[in-house]
Amino acid sequence: MQCNMLEAKNQLSKLVQAALAGEDVVIANKGVPVVRLVKVGAQNFARKPGAWSGLPKAKADWDSPATNATIADALSGDKLL
């Protein structure tokens, strides 16, 4: 199905329903095809709970003043690690 911009503007919901049903919907500008409406595909992968469980645990002193000072120095460029 091909329609012009003005017609598409007036019948957008009908065109979206047609695209969802698998129909090829093309919108033209002055008779020249410019865009195609397509159904957005499903996510390619399934999310799995606990995917981050295998990551290393943070050290007990991860938020100590010494660690924070080291990070601040590294980010400011004053000292090299």
PDB file of N, CA and C in Angstrom:
ATOM      1  N   MET A   1       0.853  -1.161   0.000  1.00  0.00           N
ATOM      2  CA  MET A   1       0.000   0.000   0.000  1.00  0.00           C
ATOM      3  C   MET A   1       0.903   1.228   0.000  1.00  0.00           C
ATOM      4  N   GLN A   2       0.602   2.182  -0.858  1.00  0.00           N
ATOM      5  CA  GLN A   2       1.338   3.444  -0.893  1.00  0.00           C
ATOM      6  C   GLN A   2       0.341   4.585  -0.766  1.00  0.00           C
ATOM      7  N   CYS A   3       0.702   5.603   0.012  1.00  0.00           N
ATOM      8  CA  CYS A   3      -0.154   6.767   0.142  1.00  0.00           C
ATOM      9  C   CYS A   3       0.715   8.011   0.263  1.00  0.00           C
ATOM     10  N   ASN A   4       0.131   9.151  -0.027  1.00  0.00           N
ATOM     11  CA  ASN A   4       0.854  10.409   0.067  1.00  0.00           C
ATOM     12  C   ASN A   4       0.839  10.933   1.494  1.00  0.00           C
ATOM     13  N   MET A   5       1.683  11.919   1.768  1.00  0.00           N
ATOM     14  CA  MET A   5       1.854  12.467   3.119  1.00  0.00           C
ATOM     15  C   MET A   5       0.534  12.909   3.741  1.00  0.00           C
ATOM     16  N   LEU A   6      -0.253  13.683   3.016  1.00  0.00           N
ATOM     17  CA  LEU A   6      -1.492  14.213   3.579  1.00  0.00           C
ATOM     18  C   LEU A   6      -2.439  13.079   3.954  1.00  0.00           C
ATOM     19  N   GLU A   7      -2.554  12.097   3.081  1.00  0.00           N
ATOM     20  CA  GLU A   7      -3.405  10.944   3.358  1.00  0.00           C
ATOM     21  C   GLU A   7      -2.867  10.168   4.564  1.00  0.00           C
ATOM     22  N   ALA A   8      -1.542  10.013   4.656  1.00  0.00           N
ATOM     23  CA  ALA A   8      -0.930   9.297   5.779  1.00  0.00           C
ATOM     24  C   ALA A   8      -1.184  10.034   7.084  1.00  0.00           C
ATOM     25  N   LYS A   9      -1.116  11.359   7.022  1.00  0.00           N
ATOM     26  CA  LYS A   9      -1.357  12.155   8.220  1.00  0.00           C
ATOM     27  C   LYS A   9      -2.787  11.959   8.726  1.00  0.00           C
ATOM     28  N   ASN A  10      -3.721  11.875   7.821  1.00  0.00           N
ATOM     29  CA  ASN A  10      -5.128  11.729   8.189  1.00  0.00           C
ATOM     30  C   ASN A  10      -5.508  10.303   8.580  1.00  0.00           C
ATOM     31  N   GLN A  11      -4.722   9.313   8.123  1.00  0.00           N
ATOM     32  CA  GLN A  11      -5.083   7.919   8.363  1.00  0.00           C
ATOM     33  C   GLN A  11      -3.948   7.133   9.014  1.00  0.00           C
ATOM     34  N   LEU A  12      -3.201   7.776   9.888  1.00  0.00           N
ATOM     35  CA  LEU A  12      -2.029   7.134  10.480  1.00  0.00           C
ATOM     36  C   LEU A  12      -2.375   5.849  11.219  1.00  0.00           C
ATOM     37  N   SER A  13      -3.414   5.861  12.027  1.00  0.00           N
ATOM     38  CA  SER A  13      -3.741   4.653  12.801  1.00  0.00           C
ATOM     39  C   SER A  13      -4.086   3.487  11.874  1.00  0.00           C
ATOM     40  N   LYS A  14      -4.769   3.760  10.780  1.00  0.00           N
ATOM     41  CA  LYS A  14      -5.096   2.701   9.812  1.00  0.00           C
ATOM     42  C   LYS A  14      -3.832   2.157   9.171  1.00  0.00           C
ATOM     43  N   LEU A  15      -2.894   3.029   8.846  1.00  0.00           N
ATOM     44  CA  LEU A  15      -1.638   2.600   8.227  1.00  0.00           C
ATOM     45  C   LEU A  15      -0.793   1.782   9.210  1.00  0.00           C
ATOM     46  N   VAL A  16      -0.794   2.189  10.472  1.00  0.00           N
ATOM     47  CA  VAL A  16      -0.042   1.440  11.484  1.00  0.00           C
ATOM     48  C   VAL A  16      -0.644   0.045  11.643  1.00  0.00           C
ATOM     49  N   GLN A  17      -1.961  -0.055  11.672  1.00  0.00           N
ATOM     50  CA  GLN A  17      -2.611  -1.354  11.778  1.00  0.00           C
ATOM     51  C   GLN A  17      -2.260  -2.240  10.583  1.00  0.00           C
ATOM     52  N   ALA A  18      -2.209  -1.642   9.397  1.00  0.00           N
ATOM     53  CA  ALA A  18      -1.844  -2.403   8.198  1.00  0.00           C
ATOM     54  C   ALA A  18      -0.403  -2.908   8.303  1.00  0.00           C
ATOM     55  N   ALA A  19       0.509  -2.059   8.780  1.00  0.00           N
ATOM     56  CA  ALA A  19       1.906  -2.473   8.936  1.00  0.00           C
ATOM     57  C   ALA A  19       2.027  -3.586   9.974  1.00  0.00           C
ATOM     58  N   LEU A  20       1.260  -3.486  11.069  1.00  0.00           N
ATOM     59  CA  LEU A  20       1.290  -4.528  12.097  1.00  0.00           C
ATOM     60  C   LEU A  20       0.764  -5.855  11.560  1.00  0.00           C
ATOM     61  N   ALA A  21      -0.152  -5.779  10.598  1.00  0.00           N
ATOM     62  CA  ALA A  21      -0.715  -6.988   9.998  1.00  0.00           C
ATOM     63  C   ALA A  21       0.217  -7.593   8.953  1.00  0.00           C
ATOM     64  N   GLY A  22       1.372  -6.924   8.702  1.00  0.00           N
ATOM     65  CA  GLY A  22       2.338  -7.471   7.755  1.00  0.00           C
ATOM     66  C   GLY A  22       2.285  -6.857   6.374  1.00  0.00           C
ATOM     67  N   GLU A  23       1.406  -5.904   6.176  1.00  0.00           N
ATOM     68  CA  GLU A  23       1.299  -5.264   4.867  1.00  0.00           C
ATOM     69  C   GLU A  23       2.443  -4.276   4.674  1.00  0.00           C
ATOM     70  N   ASP A  24       2.916  -4.154   3.438  1.00  0.00           N
ATOM     71  CA  ASP A  24       3.971  -3.208   3.101  1.00  0.00           C
ATOM     72  C   ASP A  24       3.346  -1.830   2.952  1.00  0.00           C
ATOM     73  N   VAL A  25       3.692  -0.888   3.835  1.00  0.00           N
ATOM     74  CA  VAL A  25       3.109   0.449   3.822  1.00  0.00           C
ATOM     75  C   VAL A  25       4.212   1.451   3.472  1.00  0.00           C
ATOM     76  N   VAL A  26       4.026   2.163   2.370  1.00  0.00           N
ATOM     77  CA  VAL A  26       4.998   3.148   1.908  1.00  0.00           C
ATOM     78  C   VAL A  26       4.319   4.508   1.874  1.00  0.00           C
ATOM     79  N   ILE A  27       5.008   5.515   2.402  1.00  0.00           N
ATOM     80  CA  ILE A  27       4.493   6.881   2.371  1.00  0.00           C
ATOM     81  C   ILE A  27       5.322   7.661   1.360  1.00  0.00           C
ATOM     82  N   ALA A  28       4.623   8.365   0.473  1.00  0.00           N
ATOM     83  CA  ALA A  28       5.281   9.088  -0.605  1.00  0.00           C
ATOM     84  C   ALA A  28       5.119  10.589  -0.421  1.00  0.00           C
ATOM     85  N   ASN A  29       6.063  11.329  -0.956  1.00  0.00           N
ATOM     86  CA  ASN A  29       5.999  12.786  -0.983  1.00  0.00           C
ATOM     87  C   ASN A  29       5.954  13.219  -2.440  1.00  0.00           C
ATOM     88  N   LYS A  30       4.827  13.769  -2.858  1.00  0.00           N
ATOM     89  CA  LYS A  30       4.599  14.174  -4.254  1.00  0.00           C
ATOM     90  C   LYS A  30       4.808  13.006  -5.209  1.00  0.00           C
ATOM     91  N   GLY A  31       4.326  11.823  -4.777  1.00  0.00           N
ATOM     92  CA  GLY A  31       4.390  10.646  -5.624  1.00  0.00           C
ATOM     93  C   GLY A  31       5.695   9.866  -5.545  1.00  0.00           C
ATOM     94  N   VAL A  32       6.686  10.394  -4.826  1.00  0.00           N
ATOM     95  CA  VAL A  32       7.983   9.725  -4.715  1.00  0.00           C
ATOM     96  C   VAL A  32       8.050   9.024  -3.351  1.00  0.00           C
ATOM     97  N   PRO A  33       8.216   7.701  -3.320  1.00  0.00           N
ATOM     98  CA  PRO A  33       8.287   6.988  -2.041  1.00  0.00           C
ATOM     99  C   PRO A  33       9.454   7.497  -1.192  1.00  0.00           C
ATOM    100  N   VAL A  34       9.163   7.792   0.083  1.00  0.00           N
ATOM    101  CA  VAL A  34      10.214   8.317   0.959  1.00  0.00           C
ATOM    102  C   VAL A  34      10.420   7.488   2.226  1.00  0.00           C
ATOM    103  N   VAL A  35       9.366   6.900   2.786  1.00  0.00           N
ATOM    104  CA  VAL A  35       9.525   6.092   3.994  1.00  0.00           C
ATOM    105  C   VAL A  35       8.643   4.860   3.929  1.00  0.00           C
ATOM    106  N   ARG A  36       9.019   3.876   4.746  1.00  0.00           N
ATOM    107  CA  ARG A  36       8.239   2.642   4.845  1.00  0.00           C
ATOM    108  C   ARG A  36       7.924   2.418   6.311  1.00  0.00           C
ATOM    109  N   LEU A  37       6.673   2.094   6.599  1.00  0.00           N
ATOM    110  CA  LEU A  37       6.276   1.744   7.960  1.00  0.00           C
ATOM    111  C   LEU A  37       6.496   0.251   8.145  1.00  0.00           C
ATOM    112  N   VAL A  38       7.216  -0.095   9.206  1.00  0.00           N
ATOM    113  CA  VAL A  38       7.453  -1.503   9.497  1.00  0.00           C
ATOM    114  C   VAL A  38       7.223  -1.749  10.979  1.00  0.00           C
ATOM    115  N   LYS A  39       6.853  -2.951  11.303  1.00  0.00           N
ATOM    116  CA  LYS A  39       6.651  -3.353  12.692  1.00  0.00           C
ATOM    117  C   LYS A  39       8.016  -3.483  13.355  1.00  0.00           C
ATOM    118  N   VAL A  40       8.123  -2.949  14.547  1.00  0.00           N
ATOM    119  CA  VAL A  40       9.368  -3.067  15.298  1.00  0.00           C
ATOM    120  C   VAL A  40       9.484  -4.497  15.791  1.00  0.00           C
ATOM    121  N   GLY A  41      10.643  -5.109  15.555  1.00  0.00           N
ATOM    122  CA  GLY A  41      10.844  -6.501  15.930  1.00  0.00           C
ATOM    123  C   GLY A  41      10.995  -6.690  17.420  1.00  0.00           C
ATOM    124  N   ALA A  42      10.830  -7.913  17.833  1.00  0.00           N
ATOM    125  CA  ALA A  42      11.002  -8.266  19.240  1.00  0.00           C
ATOM    126  C   ALA A  42      12.481  -8.230  19.597  1.00  0.00           C
ATOM    127  N   GLN A  43      12.764  -8.157  20.870  1.00  0.00           N
ATOM    128  CA  GLN A  43      14.130  -8.154  21.357  1.00  0.00           C
ATOM    129  C   GLN A  43      14.810  -9.460  20.942  1.00  0.00           C
ATOM    130  N   ASN A  44      16.063  -9.381  20.469  1.00  0.00           N
ATOM    131  CA  ASN A  44      16.770 -10.550  19.952  1.00  0.00           C
ATOM    132  C   ASN A  44      17.198 -11.534  21.037  1.00  0.00           C
ATOM    133  N   PHE A  45      17.286 -11.094  22.255  1.00  0.00           N
ATOM    134  CA  PHE A  45      17.782 -11.963  23.300  1.00  0.00           C
ATOM    135  C   PHE A  45      16.856 -11.904  24.509  1.00  0.00           C
ATOM    136  N   ALA A  46      16.863 -12.978  25.237  1.00  0.00           N
ATOM    137  CA  ALA A  46      16.053 -13.034  26.452  1.00  0.00           C
ATOM    138  C   ALA A  46      16.920 -12.608  27.633  1.00  0.00           C
ATOM    139  N   ARG A  47      16.385 -11.745  28.460  1.00  0.00           N
ATOM    140  CA  ARG A  47      17.117 -11.330  29.650  1.00  0.00           C
ATOM    141  C   ARG A  47      17.002 -12.430  30.701  1.00  0.00           C
ATOM    142  N   LYS A  48      18.129 -12.727  31.337  1.00  0.00           N
ATOM    143  CA  LYS A  48      18.151 -13.792  32.335  1.00  0.00           C
ATOM    144  C   LYS A  48      18.455 -13.201  33.701  1.00  0.00           C
ATOM    145  N   PRO A  49      17.635 -13.479  34.692  1.00  0.00           N
ATOM    146  CA  PRO A  49      17.918 -12.994  36.036  1.00  0.00           C
ATOM    147  C   PRO A  49      19.234 -13.581  36.555  1.00  0.00           C
ATOM    148  N   GLY A  50      19.984 -12.770  37.274  1.00  0.00           N
ATOM    149  CA  GLY A  50      21.233 -13.238  37.858  1.00  0.00           C
ATOM    150  C   GLY A  50      22.408 -13.218  36.910  1.00  0.00           C
ATOM    151  N   ALA A  51      22.290 -12.524  35.784  1.00  0.00           N
ATOM    152  CA  ALA A  51      23.375 -12.500  34.806  1.00  0.00           C
ATOM    153  C   ALA A  51      24.641 -11.864  35.374  1.00  0.00           C
ATOM    154  N   TRP A  52      24.506 -11.007  36.366  1.00  0.00           N
ATOM    155  CA  TRP A  52      25.667 -10.340  36.957  1.00  0.00           C
ATOM    156  C   TRP A  52      26.194 -11.087  38.178  1.00  0.00           C
ATOM    157  N   SER A  53      25.615 -12.211  38.534  1.00  0.00           N
ATOM    158  CA  SER A  53      26.017 -12.915  39.754  1.00  0.00           C
ATOM    159  C   SER A  53      27.444 -13.433  39.679  1.00  0.00           C
ATOM    160  N   GLY A  54      27.973 -13.632  38.490  1.00  0.00           N
ATOM    161  CA  GLY A  54      29.337 -14.152  38.336  1.00  0.00           C
ATOM    162  C   GLY A  54      30.409 -13.082  38.397  1.00  0.00           C
ATOM    163  N   LEU A  55      30.011 -11.826  38.514  1.00  0.00           N
ATOM    164  CA  LEU A  55      31.008 -10.753  38.580  1.00  0.00           C
ATOM    165  C   LEU A  55      31.731 -10.789  39.917  1.00  0.00           C
ATOM    166  N   PRO A  56      32.982 -10.333  39.945  1.00  0.00           N
ATOM    167  CA  PRO A  56      33.709 -10.333  41.214  1.00  0.00           C
ATOM    168  C   PRO A  56      33.037  -9.407  42.223  1.00  0.00           C
ATOM    169  N   LYS A  57      33.093  -9.800  43.467  1.00  0.00           N
ATOM    170  CA  LYS A  57      32.513  -8.997  44.542  1.00  0.00           C
ATOM    171  C   LYS A  57      33.434  -7.813  44.841  1.00  0.00           C
ATOM    172  N   ALA A  58      32.846  -6.707  45.261  1.00  0.00           N
ATOM    173  CA  ALA A  58      33.629  -5.529  45.623  1.00  0.00           C
ATOM    174  C   ALA A  58      34.372  -5.789  46.927  1.00  0.00           C
ATOM    175  N   LYS A  59      35.575  -5.218  47.028  1.00  0.00           N
ATOM    176  CA  LYS A  59      36.353  -5.361  48.255  1.00  0.00           C
ATOM    177  C   LYS A  59      35.663  -4.594  49.374  1.00  0.00           C
ATOM    178  N   ALA A  60      35.957  -4.964  50.583  1.00  0.00           N
ATOM    179  CA  ALA A  60      35.323  -4.339  51.749  1.00  0.00           C
ATOM    180  C   ALA A  60      35.667  -2.856  51.858  1.00  0.00           C
ATOM    181  N   ASP A  61      36.846  -2.469  51.360  1.00  0.00           N
ATOM    182  CA  ASP A  61      37.273  -1.067  51.476  1.00  0.00           C
ATOM    183  C   ASP A  61      37.017  -0.274  50.190  1.00  0.00           C
ATOM    184  N   TRP A  62      36.057  -0.693  49.401  1.00  0.00           N
ATOM    185  CA  TRP A  62      35.819  -0.050  48.111  1.00  0.00           C
ATOM    186  C   TRP A  62      35.463   1.423  48.241  1.00  0.00           C
ATOM    187  N   ASP A  63      34.932   1.836  49.385  1.00  0.00           N
ATOM    188  CA  ASP A  63      34.526   3.228  49.561  1.00  0.00           C
ATOM    189  C   ASP A  63      35.314   3.910  50.683  1.00  0.00           C
ATOM    190  N   SER A  64      36.527   3.447  50.885  1.00  0.00           N
ATOM    191  CA  SER A  64      37.337   4.042  51.949  1.00  0.00           C
ATOM    192  C   SER A  64      37.897   5.388  51.487  1.00  0.00           C
ATOM    193  N   PRO A  65      38.275   6.262  52.413  1.00  0.00           N
ATOM    194  CA  PRO A  65      38.861   7.550  52.032  1.00  0.00           C
ATOM    195  C   PRO A  65      40.126   7.401  51.193  1.00  0.00           C
ATOM    196  N   ALA A  66      40.933   6.386  51.473  1.00  0.00           N
ATOM    197  CA  ALA A  66      42.162   6.183  50.704  1.00  0.00           C
ATOM    198  C   ALA A  66      41.846   5.804  49.251  1.00  0.00           C
ATOM    199  N   THR A  67      40.875   4.914  49.072  1.00  0.00           N
ATOM    200  CA  THR A  67      40.475   4.515  47.711  1.00  0.00           C
ATOM    201  C   THR A  67      39.891   5.707  46.958  1.00  0.00           C
ATOM    202  N   ASN A  68      39.051   6.482  47.627  1.00  0.00           N
ATOM    203  CA  ASN A  68      38.460   7.659  46.989  1.00  0.00           C
ATOM    204  C   ASN A  68      39.529   8.684  46.612  1.00  0.00           C
ATOM    205  N   ALA A  69      40.536   8.867  47.460  1.00  0.00           N
ATOM    206  CA  ALA A  69      41.621   9.804  47.154  1.00  0.00           C
ATOM    207  C   ALA A  69      42.419   9.324  45.952  1.00  0.00           C
ATOM    208  N   THR A  70      42.671   8.023  45.870  1.00  0.00           N
ATOM    209  CA  THR A  70      43.401   7.465  44.731  1.00  0.00           C
ATOM    210  C   THR A  70      42.627   7.688  43.434  1.00  0.00           C
ATOM    211  N   ILE A  71      41.340   7.465  43.471  1.00  0.00           N
ATOM    212  CA  ILE A  71      40.503   7.665  42.282  1.00  0.00           C
ATOM    213  C   ILE A  71      40.467   9.142  41.912  1.00  0.00           C
ATOM    214  N   ALA A  72      40.314  10.018  42.896  1.00  0.00           N
ATOM    215  CA  ALA A  72      40.274  11.454  42.628  1.00  0.00           C
ATOM    216  C   ALA A  72      41.586  11.930  42.019  1.00  0.00           C
ATOM    217  N   ASP A  73      42.710  11.434  42.534  1.00  0.00           N
ATOM    218  CA  ASP A  73      44.011  11.804  41.978  1.00  0.00           C
ATOM    219  C   ASP A  73      44.145  11.323  40.541  1.00  0.00           C
ATOM    220  N   ALA A  74      43.681  10.104  40.275  1.00  0.00           N
ATOM    221  CA  ALA A  74      43.779   9.556  38.922  1.00  0.00           C
ATOM    222  C   ALA A  74      42.917  10.354  37.948  1.00  0.00           C
ATOM    223  N   LEU A  75      41.748  10.775  38.392  1.00  0.00           N
ATOM    224  CA  LEU A  75      40.854  11.521  37.504  1.00  0.00           C
ATOM    225  C   LEU A  75      41.305  12.967  37.294  1.00  0.00           C
ATOM    226  N   SER A  76      41.973  13.527  38.296  1.00  0.00           N
ATOM    227  CA  SER A  76      42.427  14.917  38.152  1.00  0.00           C
ATOM    228  C   SER A  76      43.739  15.003  37.367  1.00  0.00           C
ATOM    229  N   GLY A  77      44.439  13.890  37.252  1.00  0.00           N
ATOM    230  CA  GLY A  77      45.684  13.877  36.493  1.00  0.00           C
ATOM    231  C   GLY A  77      46.878  14.310  37.310  1.00  0.00           C
ATOM    232  N   ASP A  78      46.724  14.504  38.610  1.00  0.00           N
ATOM    233  CA  ASP A  78      47.838  14.940  39.448  1.00  0.00           C
ATOM    234  C   ASP A  78      48.854  13.818  39.634  1.00  0.00           C
ATOM    235  N   LYS A  79      48.408  12.610  39.823  1.00  0.00           N
ATOM    236  CA  LYS A  79      49.300  11.475  40.056  1.00  0.00           C
ATOM    237  C   LYS A  79      48.927  10.352  39.113  1.00  0.00           C
ATOM    238  N   LEU A  80      49.894   9.531  38.810  1.00  0.00           N
ATOM    239  CA  LEU A  80      49.618   8.318  38.045  1.00  0.00           C
ATOM    240  C   LEU A  80      49.493   7.163  39.007  1.00  0.00           C
ATOM    241  N   LEU A  81      48.617   6.232  38.697  1.00  0.00           N
ATOM    242  CA  LEU A  81      48.450   5.063  39.574  1.00  0.00           C
ATOM    243  C   LEU A  81      49.631   4.151  39.509  1.00  0.00           C
TER     244      LEU A  81
END
